[in-house]
PDB file of N, CA and C in Angstrom:
ATOM      1  N   MET A   1     -19.897 126.544  17.303  1.00  0.00           N
ATOM      2  CA  MET A   1     -19.630 126.073  15.952  1.00  0.00           C
ATOM      3  C   MET A   1     -18.133 126.159  15.710  1.00  0.00           C
ATOM      4  N   PHE A   2     -17.725 125.470  14.673  1.00  0.00           N
ATOM      5  CA  PHE A   2     -16.305 125.462  14.338  1.00  0.00           C
ATOM      6  C   PHE A   2     -16.113 125.632  12.832  1.00  0.00           C
ATOM      7  N   VAL A   3     -15.068 126.360  12.494  1.00  0.00           N
ATOM      8  CA  VAL A   3     -14.557 126.378  11.133  1.00  0.00           C
ATOM      9  C   VAL A   3     -13.228 125.648  11.198  1.00  0.00           C
ATOM     10  N   VAL A   4     -13.090 124.634  10.374  1.00  0.00           N
ATOM     11  CA  VAL A   4     -11.875 123.830  10.362  1.00  0.00           C
ATOM     12  C   VAL A   4     -11.184 124.067   9.030  1.00  0.00           C
ATOM     13  N   LEU A   5      -9.956 124.552   9.090  1.00  0.00           N
ATOM     14  CA  LEU A   5      -9.164 124.798   7.888  1.00  0.00           C
ATOM     15  C   LEU A   5      -8.148 123.675   7.725  1.00  0.00           C
ATOM     16  N   LEU A   6      -8.178 123.016   6.582  1.00  0.00           N
ATOM     17  CA  LEU A   6      -7.207 121.978   6.267  1.00  0.00           C
ATOM     18  C   LEU A   6      -6.168 122.588   5.343  1.00  0.00           C
ATOM     19  N   THR A   7      -4.909 122.320   5.618  1.00  0.00           N
ATOM     20  CA  THR A   7      -3.815 122.765   4.756  1.00  0.00           C
ATOM     21  C   THR A   7      -3.006 121.545   4.349  1.00  0.00           C
ATOM     22  N   HIS A   8      -2.823 121.366   3.063  1.00  0.00           N
ATOM     23  CA  HIS A   8      -2.029 120.232   2.577  1.00  0.00           C
ATOM     24  C   HIS A   8      -0.582 120.382   3.033  1.00  0.00           C
ATOM     25  N   ILE A   9      -0.023 119.306   3.544  1.00  0.00           N
ATOM     26  CA  ILE A   9       1.404 119.282   3.883  1.00  0.00           C
ATOM     27  C   ILE A   9       2.109 118.188   3.086  1.00  0.00           C
ATOM     28  N   ALA A  10       1.399 117.633   2.122  1.00  0.00           N
ATOM     29  CA  ALA A  10       1.940 116.614   1.222  1.00  0.00           C
ATOM     30  C   ALA A  10       1.621 117.039  -0.207  1.00  0.00           C
ATOM     31  N   PRO A  11       2.344 116.489  -1.161  1.00  0.00           N
ATOM     32  CA  PRO A  11       2.066 116.815  -2.562  1.00  0.00           C
ATOM     33  C   PRO A  11       0.635 116.427  -2.948  1.00  0.00           C
ATOM     34  N   VAL A  12       0.051 117.181  -3.861  1.00  0.00           N
ATOM     35  CA  VAL A  12      -1.333 116.953  -4.276  1.00  0.00           C
ATOM     36  C   VAL A  12      -1.522 115.542  -4.838  1.00  0.00           C
ATOM     37  N   GLU A  13      -0.483 114.972  -5.402  1.00  0.00           N
ATOM     38  CA  GLU A  13      -0.585 113.605  -5.925  1.00  0.00           C
ATOM     39  C   GLU A  13      -0.867 112.608  -4.795  1.00  0.00           C
ATOM     40  N   GLU A  14      -0.252 112.832  -3.636  1.00  0.00           N
ATOM     41  CA  GLU A  14      -0.519 111.974  -2.474  1.00  0.00           C
ATOM     42  C   GLU A  14      -1.923 112.229  -1.924  1.00  0.00           C
ATOM     43  N   ILE A  15      -2.329 113.498  -1.928  1.00  0.00           N
ATOM     44  CA  ILE A  15      -3.679 113.857  -1.481  1.00  0.00           C
ATOM     45  C   ILE A  15      -4.705 113.132  -2.349  1.00  0.00           C
ATOM     46  N   ASP A  16      -4.516 113.162  -3.667  1.00  0.00           N
ATOM     47  CA  ASP A  16      -5.468 112.556  -4.595  1.00  0.00           C
ATOM     48  C   ASP A  16      -5.615 111.048  -4.372  1.00  0.00           C
ATOM     49  N   LEU A  17      -4.558 110.380  -3.953  1.00  0.00           N
ATOM     50  CA  LEU A  17      -4.634 108.942  -3.703  1.00  0.00           C
ATOM     51  C   LEU A  17      -5.553 108.619  -2.525  1.00  0.00           C
ATOM     52  N   VAL A  18      -5.630 109.510  -1.548  1.00  0.00           N
ATOM     53  CA  VAL A  18      -6.408 109.274  -0.336  1.00  0.00           C
ATOM     54  C   VAL A  18      -7.770 109.973  -0.402  1.00  0.00           C
ATOM     55  N   LEU A  19      -7.983 110.787  -1.420  1.00  0.00           N
ATOM     56  CA  LEU A  19      -9.221 111.560  -1.536  1.00  0.00           C
ATOM     57  C   LEU A  19     -10.498 110.708  -1.474  1.00  0.00           C
ATOM     58  N   PRO A  20     -10.565 109.543  -2.122  1.00  0.00           N
ATOM     59  CA  PRO A  20     -11.785 108.740  -1.999  1.00  0.00           C
ATOM     60  C   PRO A  20     -12.078 108.320  -0.547  1.00  0.00           C
ATOM     61  N   ASP A  21     -11.049 107.968   0.209  1.00  0.00           N
ATOM     62  CA  ASP A  21     -11.239 107.601   1.622  1.00  0.00           C
ATOM     63  C   ASP A  21     -11.678 108.806   2.443  1.00  0.00           C
ATOM     64  N   HIS A  22     -11.117 109.964   2.142  1.00  0.00           N
ATOM     65  CA  HIS A  22     -11.504 111.195   2.835  1.00  0.00           C
ATOM     66  C   HIS A  22     -12.965 111.523   2.528  1.00  0.00           C
ATOM     67  N   ALA A  23     -13.380 111.370   1.275  1.00  0.00           N
ATOM     68  CA  ALA A  23     -14.769 111.645   0.887  1.00  0.00           C
ATOM     69  C   ALA A  23     -15.731 110.701   1.612  1.00  0.00           C
ATOM     70  N   GLU A  24     -15.359 109.449   1.771  1.00  0.00           N
ATOM     71  CA  GLU A  24     -16.182 108.482   2.501  1.00  0.00           C
ATOM     72  C   GLU A  24     -16.279 108.881   3.977  1.00  0.00           C
ATOM     73  N   TRP A  25     -15.158 109.310   4.547  1.00  0.00           N
ATOM     74  CA  TRP A  25     -15.132 109.777   5.938  1.00  0.00           C
ATOM     75  C   TRP A  25     -16.053 110.988   6.106  1.00  0.00           C
ATOM     76  N   LEU A  26     -15.990 111.935   5.169  1.00  0.00           N
ATOM     77  CA  LEU A  26     -16.877 113.098   5.215  1.00  0.00           C
ATOM     78  C   LEU A  26     -18.345 112.667   5.174  1.00  0.00           C
ATOM     79  N   ALA A  27     -18.667 111.746   4.285  1.00  0.00           N
ATOM     80  CA  ALA A  27     -20.051 111.278   4.159  1.00  0.00           C
ATOM     81  C   ALA A  27     -20.553 110.719   5.487  1.00  0.00           C
ATOM     82  N   LYS A  28     -19.704 109.979   6.190  1.00  0.00           N
ATOM     83  CA  LYS A  28     -20.087 109.427   7.500  1.00  0.00           C
ATOM     84  C   LYS A  28     -20.340 110.536   8.508  1.00  0.00           C
ATOM     85  N   GLN A  29     -19.537 111.595   8.455  1.00  0.00           N
ATOM     86  CA  GLN A  29     -19.719 112.696   9.408  1.00  0.00           C
ATOM     87  C   GLN A  29     -21.030 113.439   9.141  1.00  0.00           C
ATOM     88  N   TYR A  30     -21.399 113.581   7.869  1.00  0.00           N
ATOM     89  CA  TYR A  30     -22.690 114.188   7.542  1.00  0.00           C
ATOM     90  C   TYR A  30     -23.833 113.293   8.026  1.00  0.00           C
ATOM     91  N   GLU A  31     -23.708 111.980   7.804  1.00  0.00           N
ATOM     92  CA  GLU A  31     -24.738 111.041   8.255  1.00  0.00           C
ATOM     93  C   GLU A  31     -24.923 111.113   9.775  1.00  0.00           C
ATOM     94  N   ARG A  32     -23.835 111.304  10.496  1.00  0.00           N
ATOM     95  CA  ARG A  32     -23.884 111.372  11.961  1.00  0.00           C
ATOM     96  C   ARG A  32     -24.306 112.752  12.457  1.00  0.00           C
ATOM     97  N   GLY A  33     -24.470 113.703  11.535  1.00  0.00           N
ATOM     98  CA  GLY A  33     -24.921 115.036  11.911  1.00  0.00           C
ATOM     99  C   GLY A  33     -23.843 115.941  12.466  1.00  0.00           C
ATOM    100  N   ASN A  34     -22.578 115.656  12.172  1.00  0.00           N
ATOM    101  CA  ASN A  34     -21.476 116.439  12.734  1.00  0.00           C
ATOM    102  C   ASN A  34     -21.091 117.659  11.898  1.00  0.00           C
ATOM    103  N   PHE A  35     -21.252 117.594  10.578  1.00  0.00           N
ATOM    104  CA  PHE A  35     -20.780 118.657   9.700  1.00  0.00           C
ATOM    105  C   PHE A  35     -21.939 119.333   8.988  1.00  0.00           C
ATOM    106  N   LEU A  36     -21.781 120.631   8.731  1.00  0.00           N
ATOM    107  CA  LEU A  36     -22.771 121.426   8.017  1.00  0.00           C
ATOM    108  C   LEU A  36     -22.380 121.689   6.569  1.00  0.00           C
ATOM    109  N   ALA A  37     -21.090 121.856   6.316  1.00  0.00           N
ATOM    110  CA  ALA A  37     -20.600 122.163   4.965  1.00  0.00           C
ATOM    111  C   ALA A  37     -19.126 121.798   4.892  1.00  0.00           C
ATOM    112  N   SER A  38     -18.670 121.519   3.679  1.00  0.00           N
ATOM    113  CA  SER A  38     -17.245 121.245   3.471  1.00  0.00           C
ATOM    114  C   SER A  38     -16.919 121.445   2.004  1.00  0.00           C
ATOM    115  N   GLY A  39     -15.645 121.642   1.732  1.00  0.00           N
ATOM    116  CA  GLY A  39     -15.206 121.791   0.347  1.00  0.00           C
ATOM    117  C   GLY A  39     -13.744 122.139   0.277  1.00  0.00           C
ATOM    118  N   ARG A  40     -13.234 122.144  -0.935  1.00  0.00           N
ATOM    119  CA  ARG A  40     -11.811 122.445  -1.092  1.00  0.00           C
ATOM    120  C   ARG A  40     -11.586 123.938  -1.228  1.00  0.00           C
ATOM    121  N   ARG A  41     -10.393 124.356  -0.877  1.00  0.00           N
ATOM    122  CA  ARG A  41     -10.013 125.763  -0.997  1.00  0.00           C
ATOM    123  C   ARG A  41      -9.521 126.023  -2.413  1.00  0.00           C
ATOM    124  N   GLU A  42      -9.663 127.260  -2.831  1.00  0.00           N
ATOM    125  CA  GLU A  42      -9.145 127.698  -4.131  1.00  0.00           C
ATOM    126  C   GLU A  42      -8.166 128.828  -3.896  1.00  0.00           C
ATOM    127  N   PRO A  43      -6.936 128.723  -4.316  1.00  0.00           N
ATOM    128  CA  PRO A  43      -6.373 127.599  -5.048  1.00  0.00           C
ATOM    129  C   PRO A  43      -6.329 126.345  -4.176  1.00  0.00           C
ATOM    130  N   ARG A  44      -6.083 125.220  -4.773  1.00  0.00           N
ATOM    131  CA  ARG A  44      -6.187 123.924  -4.107  1.00  0.00           C
ATOM    132  C   ARG A  44      -5.017 123.692  -3.144  1.00  0.00           C
ATOM    133  N   THR A  45      -5.139 124.301  -1.979  1.00  0.00           N
ATOM    134  CA  THR A  45      -4.102 124.171  -0.949  1.00  0.00           C
ATOM    135  C   THR A  45      -4.620 123.442   0.282  1.00  0.00           C
ATOM    136  N   GLY A  46      -5.896 123.045   0.262  1.00  0.00           N
ATOM    137  CA  GLY A  46      -6.503 122.385   1.406  1.00  0.00           C
ATOM    138  C   GLY A  46      -8.004 122.429   1.294  1.00  0.00           C
ATOM    139  N   GLY A  47      -8.663 122.476   2.454  1.00  0.00           N
ATOM    140  CA  GLY A  47     -10.116 122.475   2.465  1.00  0.00           C
ATOM    141  C   GLY A  47     -10.665 123.208   3.666  1.00  0.00           C
ATOM    142  N   VAL A  48     -11.992 123.238   3.741  1.00  0.00           N
ATOM    143  CA  VAL A  48     -12.701 123.899   4.832  1.00  0.00           C
ATOM    144  C   VAL A  48     -13.857 122.997   5.250  1.00  0.00           C
ATOM    145  N   ILE A  49     -14.054 122.873   6.548  1.00  0.00           N
ATOM    146  CA  ILE A  49     -15.196 122.160   7.103  1.00  0.00           C
ATOM    147  C   ILE A  49     -15.880 123.091   8.091  1.00  0.00           C
ATOM    148  N   ILE A  50     -17.192 123.161   8.044  1.00  0.00           N
ATOM    149  CA  ILE A  50     -17.954 123.860   9.080  1.00  0.00           C
ATOM    150  C   ILE A  50     -18.653 122.780   9.888  1.00  0.00           C
ATOM    151  N   ALA A  51     -18.311 122.720  11.169  1.00  0.00           N
ATOM    152  CA  ALA A  51     -18.842 121.687  12.055  1.00  0.00           C
ATOM    153  C   ALA A  51     -19.911 122.261  12.966  1.00  0.00           C
ATOM    154  N   LYS A  52     -20.892 121.436  13.287  1.00  0.00           N
ATOM    155  CA  LYS A  52     -21.954 121.816  14.209  1.00  0.00           C
ATOM    156  C   LYS A  52     -21.380 122.056  15.601  1.00  0.00           C
ATOM    157  N   PRO A  53     -22.125 122.742  16.448  1.00  0.00           N
ATOM    158  CA  PRO A  53     -21.682 122.905  17.831  1.00  0.00           C
ATOM    159  C   PRO A  53     -21.534 121.540  18.511  1.00  0.00           C
ATOM    160  N   MET A  54     -20.422 121.352  19.194  1.00  0.00           N
ATOM    161  CA  MET A  54     -20.113 120.143  19.951  1.00  0.00           C
ATOM    162  C   MET A  54     -18.932 120.475  20.843  1.00  0.00           C
ATOM    163  N   SER A  55     -18.549 119.579  21.693  1.00  0.00           N
ATOM    164  CA  SER A  55     -17.364 119.846  22.516  1.00  0.00           C
ATOM    165  C   SER A  55     -16.126 119.807  21.630  1.00  0.00           C
ATOM    166  N   ARG A  56     -15.135 120.561  22.007  1.00  0.00           N
ATOM    167  CA  ARG A  56     -13.887 120.582  21.242  1.00  0.00           C
ATOM    168  C   ARG A  56     -13.229 119.206  21.269  1.00  0.00           C
ATOM    169  N   GLY A  57     -13.343 118.517  22.385  1.00  0.00           N
ATOM    170  CA  GLY A  57     -12.777 117.178  22.481  1.00  0.00           C
ATOM    171  C   GLY A  57     -13.405 116.216  21.488  1.00  0.00           C
ATOM    172  N   LYS A  58     -14.729 116.298  21.344  1.00  0.00           N
ATOM    173  CA  LYS A  58     -15.416 115.438  20.373  1.00  0.00           C
ATOM    174  C   LYS A  58     -14.956 115.762  18.960  1.00  0.00           C
ATOM    175  N   LEU A  59     -14.854 117.056  18.632  1.00  0.00           N
ATOM    176  CA  LEU A  59     -14.405 117.432  17.294  1.00  0.00           C
ATOM    177  C   LEU A  59     -12.985 116.937  17.048  1.00  0.00           C
ATOM    178  N   ASP A  60     -12.102 117.123  18.020  1.00  0.00           N
ATOM    179  CA  ASP A  60     -10.721 116.656  17.857  1.00  0.00           C
ATOM    180  C   ASP A  60     -10.670 115.148  17.612  1.00  0.00           C
ATOM    181  N   ALA A  61     -11.520 114.397  18.327  1.00  0.00           N
ATOM    182  CA  ALA A  61     -11.565 112.945  18.142  1.00  0.00           C
ATOM    183  C   ALA A  61     -12.053 112.596  16.739  1.00  0.00           C
ATOM    184  N   ILE A  62     -13.052 113.323  16.242  1.00  0.00           N
ATOM    185  CA  ILE A  62     -13.559 113.088  14.885  1.00  0.00           C
ATOM    186  C   ILE A  62     -12.467 113.385  13.864  1.00  0.00           C
ATOM    187  N   LEU A  63     -11.822 114.535  13.993  1.00  0.00           N
ATOM    188  CA  LEU A  63     -10.791 114.930  13.027  1.00  0.00           C
ATOM    189  C   LEU A  63      -9.617 113.960  13.014  1.00  0.00           C
ATOM    190  N   ALA A  64      -9.313 113.374  14.155  1.00  0.00           N
ATOM    191  CA  ALA A  64      -8.193 112.432  14.250  1.00  0.00           C
ATOM    192  C   ALA A  64      -8.425 111.181  13.408  1.00  0.00           C
ATOM    193  N   THR A  65      -9.687 110.909  13.039  1.00  0.00           N
ATOM    194  CA  THR A  65      -9.986 109.723  12.234  1.00  0.00           C
ATOM    195  C   THR A  65      -9.997 110.002  10.735  1.00  0.00           C
ATOM    196  N   ASP A  66      -9.804 111.244  10.338  1.00  0.00           N
ATOM    197  CA  ASP A  66      -9.759 111.594   8.912  1.00  0.00           C
ATOM    198  C   ASP A  66      -8.562 110.890   8.270  1.00  0.00           C
ATOM    199  N   PRO A  67      -8.771 110.169   7.165  1.00  0.00           N
ATOM    200  CA  PRO A  67      -7.645 109.514   6.490  1.00  0.00           C
ATOM    201  C   PRO A  67      -6.518 110.474   6.116  1.00  0.00           C
ATOM    202  N   PHE A  68      -6.842 111.743   5.851  1.00  0.00           N
ATOM    203  CA  PHE A  68      -5.786 112.721   5.572  1.00  0.00           C
ATOM    204  C   PHE A  68      -4.890 112.927   6.797  1.00  0.00           C
ATOM    205  N   VAL A  69      -5.488 112.922   7.978  1.00  0.00           N
ATOM    206  CA  VAL A  69      -4.724 113.095   9.219  1.00  0.00           C
ATOM    207  C   VAL A  69      -3.943 111.825   9.532  1.00  0.00           C
ATOM    208  N   VAL A  70      -4.614 110.689   9.406  1.00  0.00           N
ATOM    209  CA  VAL A  70      -3.961 109.406   9.677  1.00  0.00           C
ATOM    210  C   VAL A  70      -2.721 109.252   8.791  1.00  0.00           C
ATOM    211  N   GLY A  71      -2.810 109.704   7.554  1.00  0.00           N
ATOM    212  CA  GLY A  71      -1.694 109.616   6.617  1.00  0.00           C
ATOM    213  C   GLY A  71      -0.717 110.768   6.692  1.00  0.00           C
ATOM    214  N   HIS A  72      -0.915 111.683   7.648  1.00  0.00           N
ATOM    215  CA  HIS A  72      -0.040 112.853   7.821  1.00  0.00           C
ATOM    216  C   HIS A  72       0.055 113.683   6.536  1.00  0.00           C
ATOM    217  N   LEU A  73      -1.111 113.905   5.900  1.00  0.00           N
ATOM    218  CA  LEU A  73      -1.155 114.631   4.632  1.00  0.00           C
ATOM    219  C   LEU A  73      -1.649 116.062   4.776  1.00  0.00           C
ATOM    220  N   VAL A  74      -2.336 116.370   5.890  1.00  0.00           N
ATOM    221  CA  VAL A  74      -2.863 117.709   6.100  1.00  0.00           C
ATOM    222  C   VAL A  74      -2.608 118.161   7.535  1.00  0.00           C
ATOM    223  N   HIS A  75      -2.677 119.461   7.710  1.00  0.00           N
ATOM    224  CA  HIS A  75      -2.653 120.079   9.036  1.00  0.00           C
ATOM    225  C   HIS A  75      -4.013 120.733   9.226  1.00  0.00           C
ATOM    226  N   TYR A  76      -4.597 120.557  10.415  1.00  0.00           N
ATOM    227  CA  TYR A  76      -5.876 121.174  10.743  1.00  0.00           C
ATOM    228  C   TYR A  76      -5.667 122.401  11.610  1.00  0.00           C
ATOM    229  N   GLU A  77      -6.399 123.463  11.311  1.00  0.00           N
ATOM    230  CA  GLU A  77      -6.533 124.614  12.206  1.00  0.00           C
ATOM    231  C   GLU A  77      -8.009 124.704  12.549  1.00  0.00           C
ATOM    232  N   VAL A  78      -8.314 124.667  13.838  1.00  0.00           N
ATOM    233  CA  VAL A  78      -9.704 124.689  14.283  1.00  0.00           C
ATOM    234  C   VAL A  78      -9.995 126.044  14.895  1.00  0.00           C
ATOM    235  N   ILE A  79     -11.040 126.696  14.384  1.00  0.00           N
ATOM    236  CA  ILE A  79     -11.461 128.005  14.878  1.00  0.00           C
ATOM    237  C   ILE A  79     -12.853 127.834  15.472  1.00  0.00           C
ATOM    238  N   GLU A  80     -12.955 128.022  16.779  1.00  0.00           N
ATOM    239  CA  GLU A  80     -14.250 127.939  17.440  1.00  0.00           C
ATOM    240  C   GLU A  80     -14.847 129.336  17.499  1.00  0.00           C
ATOM    241  N   PHE A  81     -16.145 129.424  17.234  1.00  0.00           N
ATOM    242  CA  PHE A  81     -16.795 130.724  17.349  1.00  0.00           C
ATOM    243  C   PHE A  81     -18.216 130.545  17.846  1.00  0.00           C
ATOM    244  N   VAL A  82     -18.728 131.587  18.458  1.00  0.00           N
ATOM    245  CA  VAL A  82     -20.113 131.608  18.915  1.00  0.00           C
ATOM    246  C   VAL A  82     -20.875 132.458  17.916  1.00  0.00           C
ATOM    247  N   ALA A  83     -21.747 131.828  17.164  1.00  0.00           N
ATOM    248  CA  ALA A  83     -22.521 132.543  16.160  1.00  0.00           C
ATOM    249  C   ALA A  83     -23.619 133.345  16.860  1.00  0.00           C
ATOM    250  N   THR A  84     -23.537 134.644  16.771  1.00  0.00           N
ATOM    251  CA  THR A  84     -24.568 135.495  17.361  1.00  0.00           C
ATOM    252  C   THR A  84     -25.643 135.862  16.351  1.00  0.00           C
ATOM    253  N   ARG A  85     -25.392 135.519  15.105  1.00  0.00           N
ATOM    254  CA  ARG A  85     -26.365 135.771  14.053  1.00  0.00           C
ATOM    255  C   ARG A  85     -26.209 134.674  13.004  1.00  0.00           C
ATOM    256  N   THR A  86     -27.338 134.135  12.546  1.00  0.00           N
ATOM    257  CA  THR A  86     -27.293 133.104  11.518  1.00  0.00           C
ATOM    258  C   THR A  86     -28.458 133.301  10.551  1.00  0.00           C
ATOM    259  N   ALA A  87     -28.348 132.673   9.403  1.00  0.00           N
ATOM    260  CA  ALA A  87     -29.472 132.600   8.479  1.00  0.00           C
ATOM    261  C   ALA A  87     -30.583 131.809   9.151  1.00  0.00           C
ATOM    262  N   HIS A  88     -31.802 132.079   8.764  1.00  0.00           N
ATOM    263  CA  HIS A  88     -32.957 131.406   9.356  1.00  0.00           C
ATOM    264  C   HIS A  88     -32.788 129.882   9.357  1.00  0.00           C
ATOM    265  N   GLU A  89     -32.229 129.344   8.276  1.00  0.00           N
ATOM    266  CA  GLU A  89     -32.058 127.899   8.148  1.00  0.00           C
ATOM    267  C   GLU A  89     -31.144 127.312   9.215  1.00  0.00           C
ATOM    268  N   LEU A  90     -30.320 128.128   9.833  1.00  0.00           N
ATOM    269  CA  LEU A  90     -29.378 127.640  10.850  1.00  0.00           C
ATOM    270  C   LEU A  90     -29.788 127.946  12.277  1.00  0.00           C
ATOM    271  N   HIS A  91     -30.913 128.594  12.486  1.00  0.00           N
ATOM    272  CA  HIS A  91     -31.328 128.978  13.843  1.00  0.00           C
ATOM    273  C   HIS A  91     -31.366 127.796  14.796  1.00  0.00           C
ATOM    274  N   ALA A  92     -31.827 126.648  14.355  1.00  0.00           N
ATOM    275  CA  ALA A  92     -31.924 125.484  15.236  1.00  0.00           C
ATOM    276  C   ALA A  92     -30.554 124.997  15.699  1.00  0.00           C
ATOM    277  N   LEU A  93     -29.510 125.323  14.938  1.00  0.00           N
ATOM    278  CA  LEU A  93     -28.163 124.886  15.293  1.00  0.00           C
ATOM    279  C   LEU A  93     -27.391 125.931  16.076  1.00  0.00           C
ATOM    280  N   ASN A  94     -27.939 127.116  16.163  1.00  0.00           N
ATOM    281  CA  ASN A  94     -27.229 128.234  16.788  1.00  0.00           C
ATOM    282  C   ASN A  94     -27.556 128.266  18.280  1.00  0.00           C
ATOM    283  N   GLU A  95     -26.595 127.868  19.101  1.00  0.00           N
ATOM    284  CA  GLU A  95     -26.806 127.814  20.534  1.00  0.00           C
ATOM    285  C   GLU A  95     -27.147 129.176  21.124  1.00  0.00           C
ATOM    286  N   ALA A  96     -26.659 130.252  20.509  1.00  0.00           N
ATOM    287  CA  ALA A  96     -26.853 131.593  21.049  1.00  0.00           C
ATOM    288  C   ALA A  96     -28.277 132.105  20.854  1.00  0.00           C
ATOM    289  N   VAL A  97     -28.976 131.648  19.816  1.00  0.00           N
ATOM    290  CA  VAL A  97     -30.325 132.161  19.542  1.00  0.00           C
ATOM    291  C   VAL A  97     -31.399 131.077  19.567  1.00  0.00           C
ATOM    292  N   ALA A  98     -31.020 129.844  19.833  1.00  0.00           N
ATOM    293  CA  ALA A  98     -31.974 128.719  19.765  1.00  0.00           C
ATOM    294  C   ALA A  98     -33.014 128.759  20.871  1.00  0.00           C
ATOM    295  N   HIS A  99     -32.753 129.457  21.941  1.00  0.00           N
ATOM    296  CA  HIS A  99     -33.689 129.440  23.081  1.00  0.00           C
ATOM    297  C   HIS A  99     -34.585 130.640  23.106  1.00  0.00           C
TER     298      HIS A  99
END
Protein backbone atom coordinates (compact mmCIF):
# COMPACT_ATOMS: atom_id res chain seq x y z
CA MET A 1 0.00 0.00 0.00
CA PHE A 2 1.02 3.59 -0.38
CA VAL A 3 0.41 6.85 1.40
CA VAL A 4 0.91 9.72 -1.00
CA LEU A 5 1.46 13.19 0.46
CA LEU A 6 0.82 16.15 -1.82
CA THR A 7 2.40 19.49 -0.94
CA HIS A 8 1.38 22.66 -2.74
CA ILE A 9 4.27 24.42 -4.46
CA ALA A 10 2.03 27.03 -6.08
CA PRO A 11 -0.29 29.63 -4.59
CA VAL A 12 -3.69 28.31 -3.50
CA GLU A 13 -5.35 30.51 -6.13
CA GLU A 14 -3.57 28.50 -8.85
CA ILE A 15 -4.47 25.24 -7.10
CA ASP A 16 -8.15 26.26 -7.03
CA LEU A 17 -8.17 26.86 -10.80
CA VAL A 18 -7.07 23.26 -11.46
CA LEU A 19 -9.03 21.66 -8.61
CA PRO A 20 -12.00 20.58 -10.79
CA ASP A 21 -9.63 18.73 -13.17
CA HIS A 22 -7.85 17.13 -10.21
CA ALA A 23 -11.21 16.01 -8.76
CA GLU A 24 -12.14 14.43 -12.11
CA TRP A 25 -8.76 12.66 -12.21
CA LEU A 26 -9.35 11.34 -8.67
CA ALA A 27 -12.80 10.06 -9.66
CA LYS A 28 -11.23 8.09 -12.53
CA GLN A 29 -8.67 6.54 -10.19
CA TYR A 30 -11.44 5.40 -7.83
CA GLU A 31 -13.39 3.96 -10.78
CA ARG A 32 -10.28 2.03 -11.85
CA GLY A 33 -9.83 0.71 -8.30
CA ASN A 34 -6.49 2.42 -7.66
CA PHE A 35 -7.28 4.59 -4.62
CA LEU A 36 -8.84 3.83 -1.24
CA ALA A 37 -9.12 7.33 0.27
CA SER A 38 -8.10 10.91 -0.44
CA GLY A 39 -8.58 14.39 0.93
CA ARG A 40 -6.99 17.70 1.66
CA ARG A 41 -4.63 18.38 4.52
CA GLU A 42 -5.46 20.80 7.32
CA PRO A 43 -4.20 23.43 7.24
CA ARG A 44 -4.64 23.54 3.47
CA THR A 45 -1.07 22.88 2.38
CA GLY A 46 -1.75 19.86 0.16
CA GLY A 47 -3.49 16.53 0.27
CA VAL A 48 -3.25 12.83 1.06
CA ILE A 49 -4.03 9.79 -1.07
CA ILE A 50 -4.07 6.19 0.13
CA ALA A 51 -3.43 3.91 -2.82
CA LYS A 52 -4.11 0.19 -3.11
CA PRO A 53 -1.20 -2.22 -3.38
CA MET A 54 0.37 -2.06 -6.86
CA SER A 55 3.83 -1.75 -8.32
CA ARG A 56 5.61 1.50 -7.58
CA GLY A 57 6.08 2.03 -11.30
CA LYS A 58 2.33 1.82 -11.90
CA LEU A 59 1.65 4.29 -9.09
CA ASP A 60 4.29 6.70 -10.41
CA ALA A 61 2.69 6.51 -13.87
CA ILE A 62 -0.75 7.24 -12.40
CA LEU A 63 0.52 10.18 -10.34
CA ALA A 64 2.28 11.65 -13.37
CA THR A 65 -1.14 12.15 -15.00
CA ASP A 66 -2.55 14.24 -12.14
CA PRO A 67 -3.37 17.74 -13.47
CA PHE A 68 -1.66 19.17 -10.36
CA VAL A 69 1.58 17.43 -11.39
CA VAL A 70 1.20 18.28 -15.08
CA GLY A 71 0.82 21.93 -14.07
CA HIS A 72 3.78 21.79 -11.65
CA LEU A 73 1.51 22.83 -8.77
CA VAL A 74 2.30 20.10 -6.22
CA HIS A 75 5.13 17.89 -5.05
CA TYR A 76 4.40 14.24 -4.27
CA GLU A 77 6.02 12.21 -1.50
CA VAL A 78 5.24 8.52 -1.80
CA ILE A 79 5.50 6.30 1.28
CA GLU A 80 5.25 2.58 0.63
CA PHE A 81 4.36 0.34 3.54
CA VAL A 82 3.40 -3.25 4.18
CA ALA A 83 0.26 -3.29 6.27
CA THR A 84 0.60 -6.06 8.83
CA ARG A 85 -2.71 -5.18 10.43
CA THR A 86 -5.86 -3.71 8.93
CA ALA A 87 -9.50 -3.16 9.75
CA HIS A 88 -11.70 -6.07 8.71
CA GLU A 89 -13.01 -4.03 5.77
CA LEU A 90 -9.49 -3.87 4.30
CA HIS A 91 -8.43 -7.51 4.72
CA ALA A 92 -9.06 -8.30 1.05
CA LEU A 93 -6.65 -5.52 0.06
CA ASN A 94 -3.94 -6.40 2.56
CA GLU A 95 -1.34 -8.55 0.82
CA ALA A 96 0.19 -9.55 4.17
CA VAL A 97 -2.99 -11.14 5.60
CA ALA A 98 -5.08 -11.91 2.50
CA HIS A 99 -3.85 -15.50 2.21
